[in-house]
Protein backbone atom coordinates (compact mmCIF):
# COMPACT_ATOMS: atom_id res chain seq x y z
CA MET A 1 2.34 2.50 5.10
CA THR A 2 4.86 3.70 5.90
CA THR A 3 4.63 4.80 5.46
CA HIS A 4 3.23 3.60 6.99
CA ALA A 5 3.46 2.38 10.63
CA ARG A 6 6.88 1.99 12.19
CA THR A 7 7.36 -0.29 15.18
CA GLU A 8 9.99 -0.91 17.82
CA PRO A 9 12.51 -3.77 17.61
CA GLY A 10 10.91 -7.02 18.69
CA ARG A 11 7.58 -6.03 17.23
CA ARG A 12 6.48 -6.22 13.64
CA PRO A 13 9.11 -4.78 11.29
CA GLU A 14 8.79 -1.35 9.78
CA PRO A 15 7.62 -1.48 6.16
CA GLY A 16 8.89 0.36 3.17
CA ARG A 17 6.80 1.51 0.26
CA ARG A 18 5.94 -2.09 -0.64
CA GLY A 19 5.78 -3.43 2.90
CA VAL A 20 7.93 -6.29 4.10
CA LEU A 21 8.61 -8.89 1.40
CA ALA A 22 7.94 -12.36 2.73
CA ALA A 23 7.76 -15.71 0.90
CA GLY A 24 7.80 -16.07 -2.89
CA GLY A 25 4.76 -14.66 -4.68
CA ALA A 26 3.90 -17.78 -6.68
CA LEU A 27 3.79 -19.86 -3.49
CA ALA A 28 1.68 -17.25 -1.74
CA LEU A 29 -0.79 -17.16 -4.60
CA ALA A 30 -0.92 -20.94 -4.80
CA GLY A 31 -1.98 -20.98 -1.15
CA THR A 32 -5.09 -18.98 -2.03
CA GLY A 33 -6.20 -21.33 -4.79
CA LEU A 34 -5.68 -18.66 -7.43
CA LEU A 35 -3.04 -20.50 -9.41
CA SER A 36 -4.59 -23.93 -8.97
CA GLY A 37 -8.06 -22.72 -9.97
CA CYS A 38 -9.77 -24.24 -6.93
CA GLY A 39 -12.56 -22.68 -4.91
CA GLY A 40 -15.01 -22.32 -7.78
CA ASP A 41 -13.25 -19.24 -9.15
CA THR A 42 -13.72 -18.11 -12.73
CA LYS A 43 -11.73 -15.86 -15.01
CA ASP A 44 -11.53 -12.09 -14.47
CA GLY A 45 -11.04 -12.16 -10.74
CA GLY A 46 -13.40 -14.83 -9.50
CA GLY A 47 -17.14 -15.21 -9.09
CA GLY A 48 -19.59 -12.75 -10.54
CA ASP A 49 -19.82 -10.29 -7.62
CA ARG A 50 -16.56 -11.10 -5.85
CA PHE A 51 -13.69 -8.64 -6.07
CA ARG A 52 -10.13 -9.84 -5.56
CA ALA A 53 -7.16 -7.62 -4.75
CA ALA A 54 -3.53 -8.81 -4.56
CA PHE A 55 -1.05 -7.22 -2.12
CA THR A 56 2.32 -7.99 -0.59
CA SER A 57 1.71 -10.00 2.56
CA GLY A 58 3.08 -9.19 6.00
CA GLY A 59 3.59 -12.88 6.78
CA SER A 60 2.47 -15.15 9.59
CA GLN A 61 2.51 -12.37 12.22
CA GLU A 62 -0.33 -10.48 10.55
CA THR A 63 -3.37 -9.47 12.57
CA LEU A 64 -6.68 -7.72 11.95
CA ASP A 65 -5.94 -5.37 14.84
CA PRO A 66 -6.37 -2.02 13.03
CA HIS A 67 -4.10 -0.18 15.44
CA VAL A 68 -1.15 -2.25 14.20
CA ALA A 69 -1.01 -1.47 10.48
CA PRO A 70 2.56 -1.38 9.15
CA ASN A 71 1.93 -2.55 5.59
CA PHE A 72 -0.30 -1.41 2.74
CA VAL A 73 -2.22 -4.68 2.92
CA ASP A 74 -2.98 -4.05 6.61
CA GLN A 75 -4.36 -0.63 5.79
CA ALA A 76 -6.50 -2.01 2.95
CA ARG A 77 -7.99 -4.61 5.29
CA ALA A 78 -8.56 -2.00 8.00
CA LYS A 79 -10.33 0.27 5.52
CA ALA A 80 -12.73 -2.56 4.67
CA LEU A 81 -13.59 -3.49 8.27
CA TYR A 82 -13.31 -0.28 10.25
CA ASP A 83 -13.79 3.46 10.05
CA THR A 84 -12.04 6.55 11.39
CA LEU A 85 -13.18 9.95 12.64
CA GLY A 86 -11.68 11.64 9.60
CA THR A 87 -9.97 10.85 6.33
CA TYR A 88 -7.27 12.44 4.19
CA ALA A 89 -7.98 14.17 0.91
CA ASP A 90 -5.31 13.73 -1.77
CA ASP A 91 -3.43 16.77 -0.43
CA MET A 92 -3.56 15.36 3.12
CA SER A 93 -6.06 17.90 4.39
CA VAL A 94 -8.64 16.29 6.69
CA ARG A 95 -12.23 15.50 5.73
CA LYS A 96 -15.11 14.20 7.87
CA ARG A 97 -15.83 10.51 8.30
CA LEU A 98 -17.34 9.22 11.57
CA ALA A 99 -16.94 12.75 12.91
CA GLU A 100 -19.76 15.01 11.78
CA SER A 101 -17.94 18.13 12.99
CA TRP A 102 -15.09 19.31 15.21
CA GLU A 103 -14.02 22.62 16.71
CA SER A 104 -11.51 23.88 19.22
CA ASP A 105 -11.66 26.48 21.93
CA ALA A 106 -9.59 29.65 21.62
CA SER A 107 -6.57 28.04 23.28
CA GLY A 108 -6.32 25.05 20.94
CA THR A 109 -6.22 22.66 23.91
CA ARG A 110 -9.88 21.59 23.99
CA TRP A 111 -11.48 19.96 20.94
CA SER A 112 -15.17 19.01 20.73
CA VAL A 113 -16.08 16.30 18.22
CA ARG A 114 -19.64 15.45 17.29
CA LEU A 115 -20.20 11.94 15.92
CA ARG A 116 -22.50 11.01 13.08
CA LYS A 117 -25.06 8.26 13.64
CA ALA A 118 -23.25 5.06 12.74
CA ARG A 119 -23.37 1.46 13.91
CA PHE A 120 -20.98 -1.40 14.39
CA HIS A 121 -21.52 -4.68 12.57
CA ASP A 122 -23.26 -6.15 15.63
CA GLY A 123 -25.86 -3.36 15.49
CA LYS A 124 -24.57 -1.34 18.46
CA PRO A 125 -24.12 2.41 17.92
CA VAL A 126 -20.67 4.01 17.64
CA THR A 127 -20.37 6.16 20.75
CA ALA A 128 -17.98 8.58 22.40
CA LYS A 129 -16.87 5.80 24.78
CA ASP A 130 -15.79 3.72 21.79
CA VAL A 131 -13.78 6.65 20.44
CA LEU A 132 -12.04 7.32 23.74
CA TYR A 133 -11.24 3.64 24.22
CA SER A 134 -9.84 3.36 20.69
CA TYR A 135 -7.64 6.43 21.02
CA ARG A 136 -6.43 5.51 24.49
CA ARG A 137 -5.48 2.06 23.23
CA ALA A 138 -3.72 3.38 20.11
CA ALA A 139 -1.81 5.89 22.27
CA ASP A 140 -0.25 3.04 24.24
CA PRO A 141 3.34 2.55 23.00
CA GLU A 142 2.99 -1.19 23.61
CA VAL A 143 0.31 -1.44 20.92
CA GLY A 144 2.49 0.01 18.16
CA SER A 145 0.11 2.36 16.34
CA PRO A 146 1.80 4.55 13.72
CA SER A 147 -0.14 7.47 15.20
CA GLN A 148 0.94 6.79 18.78
CA VAL A 149 3.09 9.92 19.05
CA LEU A 150 0.25 12.17 17.91
CA LEU A 151 -2.33 10.48 20.14
CA SER A 152 -0.05 10.75 23.17
CA ALA A 153 -0.70 14.51 23.08
CA ILE A 154 -4.17 13.80 24.52
CA ASP A 155 -4.77 14.08 28.25
CA PHE A 156 -7.06 11.07 28.62
CA THR A 157 -7.75 11.80 32.29
CA ALA A 158 -9.30 15.15 31.39
CA SER A 159 -10.90 14.06 28.10
CA LYS A 160 -14.48 12.80 28.35
CA ALA A 161 -17.63 11.67 26.61
CA ASP A 162 -20.30 14.33 26.34
CA GLY A 163 -23.23 11.98 26.03
CA ASP A 164 -23.10 9.18 23.45
CA GLY A 165 -22.72 11.43 20.43
CA SER A 166 -19.92 13.83 21.40
CA VAL A 167 -16.41 13.54 22.75
CA VAL A 168 -14.22 16.26 24.25
CA PHE A 169 -10.47 15.85 23.79
CA VAL A 170 -8.28 17.85 26.15
CA LEU A 171 -4.70 18.21 24.95
CA LYS A 172 -1.57 18.53 27.04
CA ALA A 173 -0.50 21.54 24.93
CA PRO A 174 -2.19 23.75 22.32
CA ASN A 175 -2.33 22.23 18.83
CA PHE A 176 -4.35 23.70 15.98
CA GLU A 177 -3.15 20.90 13.69
CA PHE A 178 -4.72 18.27 15.97
CA PRO A 179 -7.47 17.17 13.51
CA THR A 180 -4.83 15.51 11.31
CA VAL A 181 -4.78 12.69 13.86
CA PHE A 182 -8.44 11.88 13.11
CA ALA A 183 -7.38 10.41 9.76
CA GLY A 184 -4.08 8.86 10.80
CA PRO A 185 -3.21 5.20 10.16
CA GLY A 186 -3.85 3.16 13.27
CA THR A 187 -6.66 5.37 14.63
CA GLU A 188 -9.62 3.20 13.62
CA ILE A 189 -12.59 3.15 15.98
CA ILE A 190 -13.32 -0.19 17.63
CA PRO A 191 -15.97 -1.17 20.20
CA ASP A 192 -15.16 -0.22 23.79
CA GLY A 193 -13.19 -2.98 25.51
CA THR A 194 -12.14 -4.89 22.38
CA THR A 195 -8.99 -6.97 22.85
CA ASP A 196 -9.62 -9.98 20.58
CA PHE A 197 -9.38 -9.50 16.81
CA ARG A 198 -9.86 -13.08 15.66
CA LYS A 199 -13.45 -12.28 14.61
CA PRO A 200 -13.37 -8.50 14.54
CA ILE A 201 -16.30 -6.12 14.66
CA GLY A 202 -15.97 -2.69 13.11
CA SER A 203 -18.18 -0.06 11.51
CA GLY A 204 -16.66 -0.24 8.03
CA PRO A 205 -18.41 -1.11 4.76
CA PHE A 206 -17.57 -4.84 4.91
CA THR A 207 -18.02 -7.48 7.60
CA TYR A 208 -15.54 -10.19 8.53
CA VAL A 209 -15.83 -13.68 7.01
CA SER A 210 -12.40 -15.28 7.45
CA PHE A 211 -8.68 -14.49 7.68
CA THR A 212 -5.44 -16.44 7.69
CA PRO A 213 -2.30 -14.51 8.72
CA GLY A 214 -0.08 -14.36 5.67
CA GLY A 215 -3.01 -15.64 3.60
CA THR A 216 -6.39 -14.55 2.30
CA ALA A 217 -8.83 -12.21 4.05
CA ARG A 218 -12.49 -12.53 3.07
CA TYR A 219 -15.30 -10.05 3.67
CA LYS A 220 -18.91 -9.53 2.64
CA ARG A 221 -21.00 -6.46 1.93
CA TRP A 222 -22.59 -4.73 4.92
CA ALA A 223 -25.94 -3.32 3.85
CA ASP A 224 -26.31 -1.03 6.89
CA HIS A 225 -23.12 1.00 6.53
CA TRP A 226 -23.78 4.67 7.24
CA GLY A 227 -22.24 5.67 3.91
CA GLY A 228 -24.27 3.17 1.90
CA ALA A 229 -23.71 -0.48 1.07
CA PRO A 230 -20.78 -1.52 -1.14
CA HIS A 231 -21.59 -2.34 -4.74
CA ILE A 232 -19.81 -5.72 -4.59
CA ALA A 233 -21.09 -8.64 -2.53
CA GLU A 234 -17.70 -10.07 -1.54
CA LEU A 235 -14.15 -8.82 -1.13
CA GLU A 236 -11.03 -10.97 -1.02
CA ILE A 237 -7.56 -9.59 -0.28
CA VAL A 238 -4.98 -12.17 -1.32
CA PRO A 239 -1.20 -12.36 -0.78
CA ALA A 240 1.22 -12.18 -3.69
CA ASN A 241 4.60 -11.09 -2.41
CA GLU A 242 6.50 -10.90 -5.67
CA GLU A 243 5.55 -8.12 -8.04
CA SER A 244 5.69 -10.58 -10.94
CA ALA A 245 3.11 -12.79 -9.19
CA ARG A 246 0.71 -9.87 -8.76
CA LEU A 247 1.22 -8.85 -12.37
CA ASN A 248 0.63 -12.35 -13.75
CA ALA A 249 -2.42 -12.88 -11.54
CA LEU A 250 -3.95 -9.67 -12.92
CA LEU A 251 -3.11 -10.42 -16.56
CA SER A 252 -4.47 -13.98 -16.27
CA GLY A 253 -7.74 -12.74 -14.76
CA GLN A 254 -7.23 -14.32 -11.33
CA VAL A 255 -7.46 -10.95 -9.54
CA HIS A 256 -9.07 -7.62 -10.37
CA TYR A 257 -6.50 -5.44 -8.60
CA ALA A 258 -2.71 -5.68 -8.28
CA ALA A 259 -1.10 -3.32 -5.77
CA ASP A 260 2.24 -1.59 -6.14
CA MET A 261 3.52 -2.03 -9.65
CA ALA A 262 6.86 -0.55 -10.71
CA GLY A 263 9.47 -0.39 -13.46
CA ALA A 264 9.10 -2.97 -16.23
CA SER A 265 5.69 -4.06 -14.93
CA VAL A 266 4.34 -0.55 -15.44
CA GLU A 267 5.65 -0.46 -19.01
CA ARG A 268 4.08 -3.84 -19.74
CA LEU A 269 0.74 -2.78 -18.30
CA LYS A 270 0.73 0.39 -20.37
CA LYS A 271 0.74 -1.79 -23.48
CA ASP A 272 -1.88 -4.25 -22.25
CA GLY A 273 -5.45 -3.54 -23.32
CA SER A 274 -7.10 -5.67 -20.64
CA THR A 275 -5.87 -3.58 -17.71
CA ARG A 276 -5.71 0.00 -16.51
CA LEU A 277 -3.07 1.73 -14.40
CA LEU A 278 -3.94 3.91 -11.42
CA THR A 279 -0.94 6.21 -11.06
CA ALA A 280 -0.62 8.63 -8.14
CA LYS A 281 2.16 11.03 -9.00
CA ARG A 282 4.86 11.82 -6.40
CA ALA A 283 3.18 9.58 -3.84
CA THR A 284 6.30 8.25 -2.12
CA ALA A 285 9.27 10.22 -0.80
CA GLN A 286 12.53 8.39 -1.57
CA GLN A 287 15.01 9.28 1.16
CA LEU A 288 18.65 8.92 2.04
CA LEU A 289 19.07 9.20 5.82
CA LEU A 290 22.43 10.57 7.00
CA ARG A 291 22.86 10.14 10.74
CA THR A 292 23.90 13.56 12.03
CA GLY A 293 24.57 12.15 15.49
CA ARG A 294 27.47 9.98 14.28
CA LYS A 295 30.69 10.51 12.39
CA PRO A 296 31.21 11.42 9.62
CA PHE A 297 27.82 13.15 9.23
CA ASP A 298 28.16 15.10 12.44
CA ASP A 299 30.10 17.41 10.10
CA PRO A 300 27.51 19.51 8.19
CA ARG A 301 29.99 20.02 5.35
CA LEU A 302 29.69 16.35 4.43
CA ILE A 303 25.89 16.48 4.49
CA ARG A 304 26.06 19.45 2.14
CA ALA A 305 28.62 17.64 -0.05
CA VAL A 306 26.32 14.63 -0.50
CA GLN A 307 23.38 16.93 -1.26
CA LEU A 308 25.39 18.62 -4.02
CA GLY A 309 27.15 15.47 -5.20
CA ILE A 310 24.17 13.34 -6.23
CA ASP A 311 22.48 13.69 -9.60
CA ARG A 312 18.77 13.50 -8.84
CA GLN A 313 17.61 13.53 -12.45
CA ALA A 314 19.84 10.54 -13.23
CA LEU A 315 18.52 8.73 -10.16
CA VAL A 316 14.93 9.23 -11.30
CA ARG A 317 15.78 8.14 -14.84
CA ILE A 318 17.67 4.99 -13.81
CA ALA A 319 16.67 3.88 -10.30
CA LEU A 320 12.98 4.78 -10.78
CA ALA A 321 12.92 3.98 -14.52
CA GLY A 322 11.55 7.48 -15.07
CA HIS A 323 8.48 6.90 -12.88
CA GLY A 324 8.93 9.80 -10.50
CA GLU A 325 10.26 13.31 -10.01
CA ALA A 326 13.48 14.71 -8.59
CA GLY A 327 13.24 15.65 -4.91
CA ASN A 328 14.41 18.80 -3.20
CA ASP A 329 15.38 17.41 0.23
CA LEU A 330 11.96 18.04 1.75
CA PHE A 331 9.05 15.68 2.32
CA GLY A 332 5.58 16.37 0.94
CA MET A 333 5.99 17.99 -2.49
CA GLY A 334 2.55 19.11 -3.65
CA LEU A 335 0.92 18.65 -0.25
CA ARG A 336 -0.64 21.24 2.03
CA GLY A 337 2.14 22.98 3.92
CA TYR A 338 5.00 22.27 1.54
CA PRO A 339 6.98 25.45 0.69
CA ASP A 340 6.68 25.93 -3.07
CA ASP A 341 9.17 28.79 -3.39
CA LEU A 342 12.34 26.69 -3.16
CA THR A 343 14.98 26.63 -5.88
CA PRO A 344 15.61 23.01 -6.99
CA ARG A 345 18.77 21.44 -5.62
CA GLU A 346 21.21 21.12 -8.55
CA ARG A 347 24.31 18.95 -8.74
CA ASP A 348 27.57 20.90 -8.26
CA VAL A 349 30.56 18.55 -8.35
CA ASP A 350 33.17 21.27 -7.84
CA ALA A 351 31.46 22.73 -4.76
CA ALA A 352 30.87 19.25 -3.32
CA ARG A 353 34.50 18.21 -3.86
CA LYS A 354 35.68 21.41 -2.17
CA LEU A 355 33.51 20.68 0.89
CA VAL A 356 34.89 17.14 1.13
CA LYS A 357 38.45 18.44 1.11
CA GLN A 358 37.63 21.13 3.68
CA ALA A 359 36.28 18.40 5.95
CA GLY A 360 39.49 16.39 5.50
CA ALA A 361 37.42 13.52 4.11
CA ASP A 362 38.93 12.97 0.65
CA GLY A 363 38.77 9.21 -0.05
CA LEU A 364 36.51 8.57 2.96
CA ARG A 365 34.68 5.22 2.83
CA ILE A 366 30.99 5.34 3.77
CA THR A 367 28.60 2.39 4.02
CA VAL A 368 24.94 2.88 3.11
CA GLU A 369 22.32 0.41 4.34
CA THR A 370 19.94 -0.89 1.70
CA SER A 371 17.56 -3.78 0.99
CA SER A 372 15.26 -5.29 -1.62
CA VAL A 373 12.29 -3.83 0.33
CA ASP A 374 12.08 -1.19 -2.40
CA ALA A 375 13.13 -2.07 -5.93
CA ALA A 376 14.68 1.37 -6.43
CA TRP A 377 17.16 1.24 -3.57
CA GLU A 378 19.85 -1.08 -4.85
CA PRO A 379 20.18 0.57 -8.28
CA ALA A 380 20.09 3.96 -6.51
CA ALA A 381 22.95 2.87 -4.24
CA ASP A 382 25.03 1.75 -7.22
CA LEU A 383 24.45 5.01 -9.06
CA MET A 384 25.10 7.16 -6.00
CA ALA A 385 28.39 5.35 -5.46
CA ARG A 386 29.54 6.35 -8.96
CA GLN A 387 28.32 9.92 -8.50
CA LEU A 388 29.93 10.44 -5.09
CA ARG A 389 33.23 8.97 -6.28
CA GLU A 390 33.57 12.11 -8.40
CA ILE A 391 33.57 14.28 -5.25
CA GLY A 392 36.04 12.11 -3.31
CA LEU A 393 33.73 9.84 -1.29
CA ARG A 394 33.74 6.03 -1.52
CA LEU A 395 30.21 4.74 -0.99
CA THR A 396 29.54 1.01 -0.61
CA ALA A 397 26.21 -0.71 -0.02
CA ASN A 398 25.39 -3.14 2.79
CA THR A 399 22.31 -5.10 1.76
CA ARG A 400 20.21 -6.22 4.73
CA ALA A 401 17.34 -8.71 4.86
CA SER A 402 14.01 -7.09 4.07
CA SER A 403 12.33 -8.76 7.06
CA THR A 404 14.63 -7.03 9.57
CA TYR A 405 15.77 -3.98 7.63
CA PHE A 406 13.79 -1.27 9.39
CA SER A 407 14.41 -2.52 12.91
CA GLU A 408 18.15 -2.79 12.19
CA ILE A 409 18.70 0.64 10.67
CA LYS A 410 17.26 2.29 13.78
CA THR A 411 20.47 1.51 15.61
CA LYS A 412 23.03 0.47 12.99
CA GLY A 413 24.97 2.37 10.36
CA VAL A 414 25.48 6.00 9.42
CA ALA A 415 23.47 6.16 6.18
CA ALA A 416 20.38 4.29 4.99
CA PHE A 417 17.66 4.30 2.37
CA ASN A 418 14.06 4.84 3.43
CA THR A 419 10.68 5.71 1.93
CA THR A 420 7.59 7.42 3.32
CA SER A 421 4.18 7.53 1.69
CA THR A 422 1.89 10.53 1.82
CA LEU A 423 1.23 12.02 5.26
CA PRO A 424 0.34 15.51 6.46
CA VAL A 425 3.50 17.62 6.39
CA SER A 426 3.05 18.77 9.99
CA ASP A 427 2.74 15.17 11.22
CA PHE A 428 5.82 14.07 9.30
CA LEU A 429 7.90 16.89 10.76
CA GLN A 430 6.68 16.13 14.27
CA GLN A 431 7.35 12.39 14.00
CA ARG A 432 10.50 12.22 11.84
CA VAL A 433 12.46 15.48 12.16
CA ARG A 434 11.77 16.92 15.60
CA GLY A 435 14.65 16.50 18.04
CA GLY A 436 14.29 13.40 20.20
CA ALA A 437 11.31 11.97 18.28
CA ALA A 438 11.33 8.16 18.33
CA ARG A 439 11.26 7.98 14.53
CA ASN A 440 13.86 10.69 13.94
CA GLN A 441 16.44 8.35 12.40
CA THR A 442 18.99 11.00 11.45
CA GLN A 443 19.27 12.08 15.11
CA TYR A 444 18.84 15.70 14.04
CA ALA A 445 18.34 18.16 16.90
CA SER A 446 17.68 21.86 16.47
CA LYS A 447 16.10 24.09 19.11
CA LYS A 448 15.26 26.65 16.43
CA PHE A 449 13.47 24.06 14.30
CA ASP A 450 11.56 22.65 17.28
CA ALA A 451 10.55 26.14 18.41
CA LEU A 452 9.09 26.91 14.98
CA LEU A 453 7.12 23.65 15.07
CA ASP A 454 5.75 24.54 18.49
CA ARG A 455 4.78 28.04 17.34
CA ALA A 456 3.04 26.60 14.29
CA ARG A 457 0.98 24.15 16.34
CA THR A 458 -0.13 26.89 18.76
CA THR A 459 -1.01 29.44 16.05
CA ARG A 460 -4.73 29.66 15.30
CA ASP A 461 -4.50 31.44 11.92
CA GLU A 462 -3.91 28.81 9.23
CA GLN A 463 -1.88 30.95 6.83
CA GLU A 464 0.40 32.10 9.63
CA ARG A 465 0.69 28.50 10.80
CA LEU A 466 1.68 27.28 7.33
CA GLY A 467 4.22 30.08 7.08
CA LEU A 468 5.88 28.91 10.29
CA LEU A 469 5.94 25.33 9.02
CA ALA A 470 7.62 26.54 5.81
CA ARG A 471 10.31 28.35 7.81
CA ALA A 472 10.95 25.21 9.86
CA GLN A 473 11.25 23.06 6.74
CA LYS A 474 13.78 25.37 5.12
CA ILE A 475 16.02 24.99 8.16
CA ALA A 476 15.66 21.21 8.19
CA ARG A 477 16.29 20.97 4.45
CA ASP A 478 19.90 22.08 4.90
CA GLU A 479 20.69 20.61 8.30
CA SER A 480 18.63 17.53 9.15
CA GLY A 481 20.48 14.88 7.15
CA LEU A 482 17.19 13.75 5.62
CA LEU A 483 17.77 13.91 1.86
CA VAL A 484 14.66 13.46 -0.27
CA TRP A 485 16.29 12.60 -3.58
CA ALA A 486 13.06 11.78 -5.45
CA PHE A 487 9.35 11.26 -5.28
CA SER A 488 8.31 8.00 -6.88
CA ASP A 489 4.92 7.39 -8.41
CA ALA A 490 2.56 4.86 -6.81
CA ASN A 491 1.12 2.49 -9.40
CA ASP A 492 -1.73 0.08 -8.79
CA ALA A 493 -3.36 -1.80 -11.66
CA ILE A 494 -6.93 -2.97 -12.26
CA SER A 495 -8.71 -5.01 -14.89
CA ARG A 496 -10.87 -3.21 -17.43
CA SER A 497 -13.97 -4.73 -15.85
CA VAL A 498 -13.46 -2.61 -12.72
CA GLY A 499 -15.14 0.75 -12.23
CA GLY A 500 -15.41 3.07 -9.25
CA LEU A 501 -11.70 3.33 -8.41
CA ARG A 502 -9.37 6.20 -9.23
CA ALA A 503 -5.70 6.96 -8.73
CA ALA A 504 -5.01 8.30 -5.24
CA PRO A 505 -1.99 8.54 -2.92
CA PRO A 506 -1.57 5.74 -0.37
CA ASN A 507 -2.95 6.76 3.04
CA SER A 508 -5.59 8.94 1.38
CA HIS A 509 -9.34 8.31 1.42
CA ASN A 510 -9.67 7.23 -2.20
CA TRP A 511 -6.80 4.75 -2.17
CA ALA A 512 -8.03 1.10 -2.00
CA ARG A 513 -11.62 2.32 -1.63
CA PHE A 514 -13.03 -1.12 -2.49
CA ASP A 515 -16.55 -0.35 -1.26
CA ARG A 516 -16.88 1.87 -4.34
CA VAL A 517 -15.91 -0.86 -6.80
CA ARG A 518 -18.31 -1.80 -9.58
CA LEU A 519 -17.75 -4.90 -11.70
CA ALA A 520 -18.89 -4.88 -15.30
């Protein structure tokens, strides 16, 4: 993430935009030696050619298994150690990585992928067998890959290696959007047969040195990476669960990079001359999920009333402290496939109040699930409660523990806050809005919507395909119960001594691209 990856109850919890918040940040940082000054570290992030990045930790259940990557910190570690067939550009279109080329047959069911010459850290070449093993493993629901649904479209019995350097994927149904899976979180390529990730081997730009779940991960430069050796000799990814801890570690020179800054921290950093903000605009979709499969939101009039009753500009101004943009009840603003011809959703108190009365719901009490997982949610819930009171609805917040929030809202409640970071629009619709999809939390079901998705996937012409996706989204915008009330900015911060990094949406190629870092 989440995005980021979402997992089933009993497995690792689903993250929000900041991942799952675990123990206090100061304690987490103290465990790395950053606050105590031990380990021979100096000011400005540590030793001369060592780069340190601070992230929210996933806690003691963390693993270096790249196919289980629910939090931003997991994805940053995976990007250091491993590689994927493709990667996302900022607009979520797919670019080449370990794949040198790909093409489909006329039916869209058979895809041939040619691999570039690359090696794992133990010197063995990356082969088609490694790719097939990795994808078959990530397609297993028991593993918990965020891309499991997309990978399950592959017929692994029919798919095969065509020598060492090519792989042929045979799909169960035509899909001309299939290459988006090559860049998906949880699709990293690992050596054939790998089951133990205590001392992992990948083909990424850094090699493993050490890792403590919930603690520090250490890596060193790999000179033989196919894309060229990193500029830094060492990389450390350290836990700092509280935003204030990450901020203070950056300002005091204990780390070079602080992930996921928001609100007052952003304003403080803007005034600080020793740091620089990396701001990716509209990187995270802020959502209110209304469960259409349960009362009262099985009545479309109440979904429409909530859509018209909230003041999105006020929510951006107050809940996001101005660091975002009003949403229009669709995911993916600015990305490939998002329909740009939509009129913005404006607040209309009179129309919303009329719909509430028509539904016989005047004075209805509704509970919305929220958590401290995202700093915007609780102020957003308070403000929405005041706004919806004007249309006759009584909204109250139920604050759940961040560690169990995402597993609980899958089965409990009728309304909940959620966030999703940048993903291809077609993948999001397939995973979150399609009827019956495991991660469709509003329980929306529409044969017309699903049929348009199917037509889009089986249409070879890209412009026609995007047109079908736009038609599907316009239907879901009004009916699905998935209200995108804003897009919040993603803010990471770096010290002035850092070069080689630029602002980029989470999940994209250029986000957390630490092999490009240069230290002055």
